[in-house]
Protein backbone atom coordinates (compact mmCIF):
# COMPACT_ATOMS: atom_id res chain seq x y z
CA MET A 1 -65.02 -11.93 51.63
CA LYS A 2 -63.55 -9.26 54.32
CA GLN A 3 -61.79 -11.48 56.70
CA LEU A 4 -60.18 -14.87 55.95
CA ARG A 5 -61.65 -17.27 58.92
CA ILE A 6 -58.13 -19.85 59.66
CA GLY A 7 -58.74 -22.67 62.18
CA PHE A 8 -55.70 -24.28 63.93
CA LEU A 9 -55.26 -27.81 63.18
CA SER A 10 -53.30 -28.22 66.55
CA THR A 11 -52.75 -26.88 69.43
CA ALA A 12 -48.68 -27.02 69.06
CA GLY A 13 -46.83 -24.37 70.42
CA ILE A 14 -45.63 -22.49 67.05
CA ALA A 15 -49.39 -22.05 66.48
CA ARG A 16 -48.85 -19.33 69.66
CA ARG A 17 -46.93 -17.10 67.73
CA ASN A 18 -49.28 -17.10 64.86
CA TRP A 19 -51.91 -16.06 66.57
CA LYS A 20 -50.99 -12.34 67.85
CA ALA A 21 -49.92 -11.80 63.59
CA ILE A 22 -53.32 -12.84 62.69
CA LEU A 23 -54.81 -10.81 65.15
CA HIS A 24 -52.96 -7.59 63.81
CA SER A 25 -53.20 -8.95 60.06
CA GLY A 26 -56.39 -6.71 59.93
CA ASN A 27 -57.76 -8.97 57.02
CA CYS A 28 -57.96 -12.31 58.80
CA LEU A 29 -58.76 -14.01 62.39
CA VAL A 30 -58.56 -17.62 63.67
CA SER A 31 -62.07 -18.71 64.10
CA ALA A 32 -61.73 -22.24 65.52
CA VAL A 33 -58.78 -24.17 67.05
CA ALA A 34 -58.84 -28.32 66.67
CA SER A 35 -56.84 -30.77 69.05
CA ARG A 36 -58.01 -34.43 69.64
CA ASP A 37 -58.80 -33.38 73.10
CA LEU A 38 -61.74 -30.87 73.49
CA ASP A 39 -60.29 -29.55 76.75
CA LYS A 40 -56.77 -28.87 75.55
CA SER A 41 -58.78 -26.95 72.35
CA ARG A 42 -60.30 -24.70 75.58
CA GLN A 43 -57.36 -24.05 77.17
CA PHE A 44 -55.05 -23.03 74.13
CA ILE A 45 -58.30 -20.42 73.31
CA ALA A 46 -58.24 -19.61 76.87
CA GLU A 47 -54.49 -18.90 77.27
CA CYS A 48 -54.25 -17.32 73.85
CA GLN A 49 -57.46 -14.75 74.20
CA ALA A 50 -56.00 -13.44 77.42
CA GLU A 51 -52.78 -11.94 75.95
CA HIS A 52 -54.49 -10.98 72.94
CA ALA A 53 -58.19 -11.11 72.43
CA PHE A 54 -60.11 -11.90 69.21
CA PRO A 55 -63.37 -9.69 69.47
CA ALA A 56 -65.29 -13.00 69.28
CA PRO A 57 -63.34 -16.10 70.60
CA PRO A 58 -62.49 -19.11 68.09
CA GLU A 59 -64.82 -22.19 68.53
CA ALA A 60 -62.98 -25.38 70.39
CA LEU A 61 -63.57 -28.55 68.29
CA GLY A 62 -62.03 -31.74 69.57
CA SER A 63 -60.99 -33.45 66.32
CA TYR A 64 -59.14 -32.35 63.52
CA GLU A 65 -62.33 -33.37 61.36
CA ALA A 66 -64.65 -31.18 62.39
CA LEU A 67 -62.26 -28.37 61.70
CA ILE A 68 -61.95 -29.41 58.11
CA GLN A 69 -65.70 -29.44 57.61
CA SER A 70 -66.37 -26.43 59.48
CA PRO A 71 -68.34 -23.79 57.57
CA SER A 72 -67.10 -21.22 60.26
CA VAL A 73 -63.33 -21.73 58.27
CA ASP A 74 -61.84 -20.72 55.19
CA ALA A 75 -57.97 -21.73 55.61
CA ILE A 76 -56.54 -23.80 57.41
CA TYR A 77 -52.80 -23.38 59.55
CA PHE A 78 -50.98 -26.83 60.09
CA PRO A 79 -47.98 -26.74 62.63
CA LEU A 80 -48.47 -30.58 62.80
CA PRO A 81 -45.20 -32.90 62.79
CA THR A 82 -44.43 -33.69 59.12
CA GLY A 83 -44.85 -37.45 59.51
CA LEU A 84 -48.66 -36.51 60.66
CA ARG A 85 -49.67 -33.52 58.36
CA GLN A 86 -49.88 -35.01 54.93
CA GLU A 87 -52.73 -36.68 55.27
CA TRP A 88 -54.87 -34.12 57.04
CA VAL A 89 -53.58 -31.46 54.46
CA ARG A 90 -54.63 -33.26 51.92
CA GLN A 91 -58.29 -34.12 53.33
CA ALA A 92 -58.01 -30.18 54.06
CA ALA A 93 -57.37 -29.33 50.23
CA GLU A 94 -60.21 -31.87 49.27
CA ALA A 95 -62.74 -30.24 51.36
CA GLY A 96 -61.73 -26.98 49.65
CA LYS A 97 -59.86 -25.50 52.52
CA HIS A 98 -56.88 -23.20 51.70
CA ILE A 99 -53.67 -24.03 53.81
CA LEU A 100 -51.00 -22.58 55.61
CA SER A 101 -48.47 -25.28 56.50
CA GLU A 102 -45.39 -25.36 58.67
CA LYS A 103 -42.23 -26.88 57.09
CA PRO A 104 -40.95 -29.04 55.96
CA CYS A 105 -44.26 -29.48 54.12
CA ALA A 106 -44.38 -32.75 53.10
CA ASN A 107 -42.17 -36.27 53.67
CA ASP A 108 -40.36 -36.07 50.01
CA HIS A 109 -41.10 -33.90 47.38
CA ALA A 110 -43.39 -36.51 45.75
CA GLU A 111 -45.45 -36.08 48.10
CA LEU A 112 -45.83 -32.58 48.58
CA ALA A 113 -46.18 -32.60 44.74
CA THR A 114 -49.49 -35.05 44.69
CA THR A 115 -50.69 -32.26 47.68
CA LEU A 116 -49.86 -29.44 45.27
CA SER A 117 -51.60 -31.39 42.59
CA ILE A 118 -54.77 -31.55 44.47
CA CYS A 119 -54.82 -27.98 45.84
CA ARG A 120 -54.79 -27.12 41.99
CA GLU A 121 -57.76 -29.16 41.58
CA GLN A 122 -59.74 -27.36 44.16
CA ARG A 123 -58.53 -24.14 43.32
CA VAL A 124 -57.05 -23.99 47.12
CA GLN A 125 -54.07 -21.30 47.64
CA PHE A 126 -50.85 -23.38 49.44
CA MET A 127 -48.19 -21.50 51.15
CA ASP A 128 -45.60 -22.79 53.43
CA GLY A 129 -44.73 -20.89 56.75
CA VAL A 130 -41.15 -18.79 56.10
CA MET A 131 -41.77 -15.42 57.18
CA PHE A 132 -39.07 -13.76 56.00
CA MET A 133 -40.33 -14.23 52.09
CA HIS A 134 -42.70 -10.90 52.97
CA SER A 135 -40.42 -9.11 54.50
CA PRO A 136 -40.12 -5.78 52.65
CA ARG A 137 -36.22 -6.23 53.41
CA LEU A 138 -36.09 -8.90 50.78
CA ALA A 139 -36.74 -6.56 48.13
CA LYS A 140 -33.59 -3.93 49.10
CA VAL A 141 -31.37 -7.02 49.47
CA ARG A 142 -32.65 -7.48 46.20
CA GLU A 143 -31.76 -4.30 44.51
CA VAL A 144 -28.13 -4.73 45.80
CA LEU A 145 -27.84 -7.93 44.47
CA ASN A 146 -28.67 -7.01 40.78
CA ASP A 147 -26.28 -3.68 41.43
CA GLU A 148 -23.04 -5.26 39.42
CA GLN A 149 -21.03 -2.17 40.90
CA ARG A 150 -21.30 -3.10 44.50
CA ILE A 151 -21.78 -6.79 44.55
CA GLY A 152 -21.01 -7.75 41.02
CA ARG A 153 -21.05 -11.45 39.75
CA LEU A 154 -22.04 -13.63 42.60
CA ARG A 155 -19.58 -16.34 43.95
CA HIS A 156 -20.75 -17.64 46.73
CA MET A 157 -22.95 -17.73 49.45
CA ASP A 158 -23.12 -19.10 53.46
CA SER A 159 -25.37 -19.08 55.90
CA ALA A 160 -25.97 -21.23 59.54
CA PHE A 161 -29.34 -21.58 61.50
CA CYS A 162 -28.89 -23.22 64.73
CA PHE A 163 -29.85 -22.84 68.49
CA TYR A 164 -28.86 -25.15 71.47
CA GLY A 165 -31.46 -27.06 72.46
CA GLY A 166 -30.57 -27.93 76.05
CA GLU A 167 -33.01 -29.91 78.47
CA PRO A 168 -35.92 -30.66 78.24
CA PHE A 169 -35.78 -30.53 74.10
CA PHE A 170 -32.83 -33.27 74.20
CA ARG A 171 -35.28 -35.60 76.14
CA ASN A 172 -38.73 -35.18 74.85
CA ASN A 173 -39.44 -32.78 71.41
CA ILE A 174 -40.72 -34.19 68.16
CA ARG A 175 -37.80 -32.30 66.52
CA LEU A 176 -35.59 -35.01 67.65
CA ASP A 177 -38.39 -38.28 66.98
CA GLY A 178 -37.29 -39.59 63.33
CA ASP A 179 -40.80 -40.78 62.91
CA LEU A 180 -42.07 -37.66 62.91
CA GLU A 181 -39.55 -35.63 61.75
CA PRO A 182 -37.42 -37.56 59.47
CA THR A 183 -35.10 -34.82 58.72
CA GLY A 184 -34.55 -33.42 61.81
CA CYS A 185 -32.61 -29.62 62.03
CA LEU A 186 -32.25 -29.89 58.55
CA GLY A 187 -35.70 -29.99 57.68
CA ASP A 188 -36.60 -27.49 60.69
CA LEU A 189 -33.62 -25.19 59.98
CA GLY A 190 -32.02 -25.64 56.95
CA TRP A 191 -34.98 -24.75 55.17
CA TYR A 192 -34.73 -21.91 55.55
CA SER A 193 -30.97 -21.67 54.16
CA ILE A 194 -32.20 -23.38 51.02
CA ARG A 195 -35.10 -21.27 50.65
CA LEU A 196 -32.83 -18.36 51.19
CA ALA A 197 -30.46 -19.75 48.34
CA LEU A 198 -32.73 -20.59 45.62
CA TRP A 199 -34.46 -17.17 46.40
CA VAL A 200 -31.14 -15.02 45.36
CA MET A 201 -30.65 -17.28 42.30
CA ASN A 202 -34.05 -16.48 41.31
CA TRP A 203 -35.17 -19.92 41.93
CA GLN A 204 -32.51 -21.63 39.54
CA LEU A 205 -32.50 -25.04 40.85
CA PRO A 206 -28.62 -26.91 41.98
CA VAL A 207 -27.45 -28.83 39.70
CA LYS A 208 -25.75 -30.83 42.55
CA VAL A 209 -26.53 -31.10 46.22
CA THR A 210 -23.52 -32.93 49.11
CA GLY A 211 -24.88 -33.40 52.96
CA LYS A 212 -23.22 -34.49 56.12
CA ILE A 213 -25.52 -35.76 59.03
CA LEU A 214 -22.86 -34.66 61.55
CA THR A 215 -24.81 -35.48 65.02
CA GLU A 216 -27.72 -37.82 65.36
CA LEU A 217 -30.06 -37.57 68.29
CA ALA A 218 -33.27 -39.25 69.42
CA ALA A 219 -35.55 -38.29 72.05
CA GLU A 220 -36.67 -40.91 74.86
CA ASN A 221 -39.10 -43.30 73.56
CA CYS A 222 -38.08 -42.70 70.25
CA GLY A 223 -36.49 -45.66 68.61
CA LYS A 224 -35.33 -44.05 65.06
CA PRO A 225 -32.72 -40.79 65.66
CA THR A 226 -33.07 -37.91 63.14
CA PRO A 227 -30.10 -35.44 62.21
CA ALA A 228 -29.36 -33.05 64.71
CA GLU A 229 -26.34 -31.48 63.25
CA PHE A 230 -26.24 -30.74 59.44
CA SER A 231 -23.55 -29.47 56.97
CA GLY A 232 -24.47 -29.25 53.26
CA GLU A 233 -23.39 -27.47 49.88
CA LEU A 234 -25.42 -26.55 46.75
CA PHE A 235 -23.26 -26.20 43.39
CA PHE A 236 -24.92 -24.00 40.73
CA GLU A 237 -24.57 -23.87 37.47
CA GLY A 238 -22.57 -21.10 36.40
CA GLY A 239 -20.17 -21.72 39.26
CA PHE A 240 -21.98 -19.61 42.52
CA SER A 241 -22.11 -22.70 45.43
CA VAL A 242 -23.33 -22.24 48.81
CA SER A 243 -22.83 -23.79 52.04
CA PHE A 244 -25.05 -24.06 55.05
CA TYR A 245 -24.93 -25.45 58.33
CA CYS A 246 -28.11 -25.92 60.65
CA SER A 247 -28.06 -27.34 64.40
CA PHE A 248 -29.95 -27.90 67.65
CA ILE A 249 -26.51 -28.51 69.93
CA THR A 250 -25.14 -25.11 68.88
CA GLY A 251 -25.56 -21.61 70.08
CA TYR A 252 -28.17 -19.46 68.97
CA GLN A 253 -27.00 -18.03 65.14
CA GLN A 254 -29.33 -17.32 61.97
CA TRP A 255 -26.94 -15.29 59.15
CA ALA A 256 -26.21 -15.53 55.87
CA HIS A 257 -23.44 -14.17 53.86
CA VAL A 258 -23.54 -13.30 50.28
CA SER A 259 -19.84 -13.09 48.36
CA GLY A 260 -19.35 -11.47 45.05
CA GLU A 261 -16.51 -10.57 42.74
CA ARG A 262 -17.04 -6.72 43.86
CA GLY A 263 -18.19 -7.22 47.24
CA TRP A 264 -20.41 -8.82 49.85
CA LEU A 265 -23.35 -8.82 51.72
CA ARG A 266 -24.28 -9.83 55.17
CA LEU A 267 -27.67 -10.58 56.83
CA PRO A 268 -27.08 -11.25 60.25
CA ASP A 269 -30.29 -12.33 61.40
CA PHE A 270 -31.55 -13.55 57.82
CA VAL A 271 -34.41 -15.32 59.55
CA HIS A 272 -35.90 -13.85 62.11
CA PRO A 273 -35.20 -10.20 62.41
CA LEU A 274 -33.31 -8.79 65.32
CA ASP A 275 -35.15 -5.45 65.07
CA SER A 276 -38.72 -6.34 63.51
CA TYR A 277 -39.69 -2.64 62.97
CA GLU A 278 -36.76 -1.89 61.34
CA PRO A 279 -35.13 -4.81 59.66
CA ALA A 280 -31.47 -4.17 58.22
CA PHE A 281 -28.34 -5.51 56.52
CA GLU A 282 -25.11 -4.84 55.27
CA VAL A 283 -23.10 -4.33 52.30
CA ASN A 284 -19.18 -4.00 52.14
CA ASP A 285 -19.34 -2.13 55.41
CA GLU A 286 -22.18 -0.09 54.57
CA PHE A 287 -25.18 -0.64 57.49
CA ILE A 288 -28.64 -0.74 55.64
CA THR A 289 -31.94 -0.07 57.15
CA VAL A 290 -34.90 -0.63 54.96
CA THR A 291 -37.03 2.60 54.11
CA GLY A 292 -39.98 4.22 56.38
CA GLY A 293 -39.68 0.99 59.52
CA MET A 294 -39.57 2.31 62.63
CA LYS A 295 -37.24 2.00 65.49
CA CYS A 296 -38.15 -0.78 68.28
CA PRO A 297 -39.98 1.10 71.22
CA PRO A 298 -38.27 2.10 73.72
CA ASN A 299 -37.70 -1.12 76.67
CA THR A 300 -38.74 -3.61 74.23
CA HIS A 301 -37.02 -6.82 73.19
CA ALA A 302 -35.73 -6.23 69.63
CA LYS A 303 -36.92 -9.51 68.53
CA ILE A 304 -40.61 -8.74 69.41
CA GLN A 305 -42.93 -10.48 66.37
CA GLY A 306 -46.94 -9.92 65.73
CA HIS A 307 -47.07 -6.19 65.43
CA ALA A 308 -48.54 -4.94 62.37
CA THR A 309 -45.78 -3.93 60.01
CA ALA A 310 -43.81 -7.30 61.38
CA GLN A 311 -42.77 -10.20 58.52
CA ASP A 312 -44.86 -13.08 60.65
CA THR A 313 -48.05 -10.56 60.24
CA ARG A 314 -47.29 -9.44 56.49
CA MET A 315 -47.10 -13.17 56.01
CA TRP A 316 -50.64 -13.55 57.14
CA ARG A 317 -52.10 -10.57 55.42
CA HIS A 318 -50.86 -11.15 52.13
CA PHE A 319 -51.90 -15.09 52.71
CA ALA A 320 -55.20 -13.53 53.65
CA GLY A 321 -55.20 -11.07 51.21
CA GLN A 322 -54.58 -13.06 47.96
CA ILE A 323 -57.43 -15.71 49.07
CA CYS A 324 -59.72 -12.69 49.24
CA SER A 325 -58.87 -11.49 45.72
CA GLY A 326 -60.36 -14.56 43.99
CA GLN A 327 -57.06 -15.28 42.42
CA LEU A 328 -54.51 -17.96 43.37
CA ASN A 329 -50.71 -17.21 43.43
CA ASP A 330 -48.86 -20.09 41.68
CA ASP A 331 -45.20 -18.88 43.00
CA TRP A 332 -45.60 -19.62 46.68
CA PRO A 333 -46.69 -23.63 45.90
CA MET A 334 -43.24 -23.38 43.87
CA TRP A 335 -41.31 -21.94 46.04
CA ALA A 336 -42.43 -24.98 48.78
CA LEU A 337 -41.75 -28.09 46.13
CA LYS A 338 -38.16 -26.58 45.10
CA THR A 339 -37.20 -26.41 48.34
CA GLN A 340 -38.42 -29.51 49.39
CA GLN A 341 -36.93 -31.13 46.40
CA VAL A 342 -33.31 -29.35 47.13
CA LEU A 343 -33.87 -30.57 50.62
CA ASP A 344 -34.54 -34.24 50.05
CA ALA A 345 -31.49 -34.22 47.95
CA CYS A 346 -28.92 -32.97 50.18
CA HIS A 347 -30.62 -35.46 53.27
CA ALA A 348 -29.85 -38.37 50.31
CA ALA A 349 -26.57 -37.00 49.62
CA ALA A 350 -25.79 -37.37 53.34
CA ILE A 351 -27.88 -41.04 53.41
CA LYS A 352 -25.93 -42.09 50.34
CA LYS A 353 -22.22 -40.65 51.65
CA GLU A 354 -22.00 -39.12 47.74
CA PRO A 355 -23.48 -36.11 45.43
CA VAL A 356 -26.70 -36.12 44.17
CA HIS A 357 -27.34 -34.27 41.02
CA LEU A 358 -30.55 -32.63 40.35
CA VAL A 359 -29.86 -31.22 36.78
């Protein structure tokens, strides 16, 4: 297999961001796009091709079932809402299609564990769409965290990922539909903070978590509200703790700060690097860049994504490369499952208004 053939199950807006990254990956391509409305599939393909064209336009399909059964699709990207996704992910796994899923990966930990069990049985690769996990910046950050002379024993991490939705987001965005996205901003944004905390702790689970829903909102024609502003805390064995904040009603920010006994490390843009050509971070007032990167070209917005070395492109390149190797990566599904477990616990703690113990 020289290029992994990706099918898009849905024409959701977030799928457009991945189109360009797949194009520049070098080892995968979009071979088909499915919507419940064939005209929507055709329109989506035409608009994406007009901006970033594959040599052969993807096939437009008018049903999700057709995509899952297509012999021209090796793997499926799932940008569907959380509340609708799992049945289709299960069917895709049973059909032997590899899976890259948006987050949160399931309605709950048990549901995801079942899905991953099917993936293992079918020899299907599973990955979630957390792009920063594929940035070369993380390796540099790990070097610093492991340097006892620079940071020392880790004590605390703070992080925030927020944006102000505004209109029409507050009126009709599915992320404010409690049936489609039951964990709201916690699932959409808090997933990243939880993931980074688990990575910092080398995948050790916290012993206890707390959570608080600060604001709930519901879009029009949605009877069930969902968290629109959330704060949580994670407490680990050995004294390390994490505080995180996520929100749809606060100005854009995406920072993380790790404090140790000797120093500190700050990622001002931990989810989406402000300069995706040369992601950087700060350590004890020292500004560190990733060796070998290139500066963002003149007159180009610093947040540009989808170029050959961007983290979103690397994510697809790693996904396709792993599958083409014939070997499964067991770490990727583990990352998703532990993140889901902690997220569920934070949400449960907020509902119960009491801490939840994990181990």
